[in-house]
Protein backbone atom coordinates (compact mmCIF):
# COMPACT_ATOMS: atom_id res chain seq x y z
CA UNK A 1 7.20 -70.85 -49.02
CA UNK A 2 5.72 -67.53 -47.89
CA UNK A 3 7.82 -67.73 -44.73
CA UNK A 4 11.08 -68.12 -46.64
CA UNK A 5 10.27 -65.18 -48.91
CA UNK A 6 8.90 -62.92 -46.13
CA UNK A 7 5.51 -62.65 -47.86
CA UNK A 8 2.12 -61.71 -46.45
CA UNK A 9 -0.80 -64.07 -47.05
CA UNK A 10 -4.03 -62.31 -48.04
CA UNK A 11 -7.12 -64.48 -47.61
CA UNK A 12 -10.85 -64.55 -47.06
CA UNK A 13 -10.63 -68.12 -45.71
CA UNK A 14 -11.02 -68.25 -41.93
CA UNK A 15 -9.28 -71.64 -41.84
CA UNK A 16 -5.94 -69.87 -42.26
CA UNK A 17 -6.41 -68.30 -38.81
CA UNK A 18 -7.12 -71.73 -37.30
CA UNK A 19 -3.99 -73.09 -39.01
CA UNK A 20 -1.96 -70.21 -37.58
CA UNK A 21 -3.27 -70.88 -34.07
CA UNK A 22 -2.26 -74.55 -34.31
CA UNK A 23 0.99 -74.30 -36.30
CA UNK A 24 2.16 -70.70 -35.90
CA UNK A 25 2.35 -70.15 -39.66
CA UNK A 26 1.96 -68.17 -41.81
CA UNK A 27 3.63 -65.47 -39.74
CA UNK A 28 1.97 -62.53 -41.50
CA UNK A 29 -1.58 -62.62 -42.78
CA UNK A 30 -4.33 -60.22 -43.83
CA UNK A 31 -7.74 -61.80 -43.33
CA UNK A 32 -10.59 -60.10 -45.15
CA UNK A 33 -13.91 -60.78 -43.45
CA UNK A 34 -16.54 -59.18 -45.68
CA UNK A 35 -18.28 -62.20 -47.16
CA UNK A 36 -19.02 -62.54 -50.84
CA UNK A 37 -18.51 -59.31 -52.80
CA UNK A 38 -17.55 -58.40 -56.32
CA UNK A 39 -13.82 -58.05 -56.98
CA UNK A 40 -14.22 -54.30 -57.54
CA UNK A 41 -15.60 -53.78 -54.02
CA UNK A 42 -12.86 -55.96 -52.55
CA UNK A 43 -10.14 -53.98 -54.31
CA UNK A 44 -11.76 -50.67 -53.30
CA UNK A 45 -11.75 -51.79 -49.66
CA UNK A 46 -8.06 -52.74 -49.82
CA UNK A 47 -7.13 -49.49 -51.58
CA UNK A 48 -9.01 -47.42 -49.00
CA UNK A 49 -7.08 -49.07 -46.16
CA UNK A 50 -3.70 -49.89 -47.70
CA UNK A 51 -1.72 -47.21 -45.84
CA UNK A 52 -2.89 -48.42 -42.44
CA UNK A 53 -2.38 -52.07 -43.40
CA UNK A 54 1.20 -51.37 -44.54
CA UNK A 55 1.87 -49.39 -41.36
CA UNK A 56 0.61 -52.22 -39.14
CA UNK A 57 2.71 -54.82 -40.92
CA UNK A 58 5.70 -52.44 -40.69
CA UNK A 59 5.14 -52.37 -36.92
CA UNK A 60 5.53 -56.17 -36.91
CA UNK A 61 1.86 -56.96 -36.43
CA UNK A 62 1.30 -60.50 -37.68
CA UNK A 63 -2.41 -61.14 -38.13
CA UNK A 64 -4.63 -58.30 -39.32
CA UNK A 65 -8.35 -58.56 -40.09
CA UNK A 66 -10.18 -56.18 -42.39
CA UNK A 67 -13.93 -55.78 -42.74
CA UNK A 68 -16.20 -53.05 -44.09
CA UNK A 69 -15.86 -50.94 -40.94
CA UNK A 70 -12.63 -51.81 -39.12
CA UNK A 71 -9.08 -53.01 -39.19
CA UNK A 72 -8.23 -55.15 -36.19
CA UNK A 73 -4.97 -56.67 -35.04
CA UNK A 74 -5.08 -60.19 -33.66
CA UNK A 75 -1.36 -60.95 -33.05
């Protein structure tokens, strides 16, 4: 479904990366790797990095990981 609608999956579940490696889908995914945090901290982290995240997806990066310190591109 996300593929047909050109959506980006946002997840904290590392299994999505494994699924991508095996099946090649979803094509675009933001993986958040910060462990258990309150929703407020999670939203603050996304807000603080949203411009760079949007820019990377605009440059056709497919898999982006976000933690407390870094944004990294995997594919």
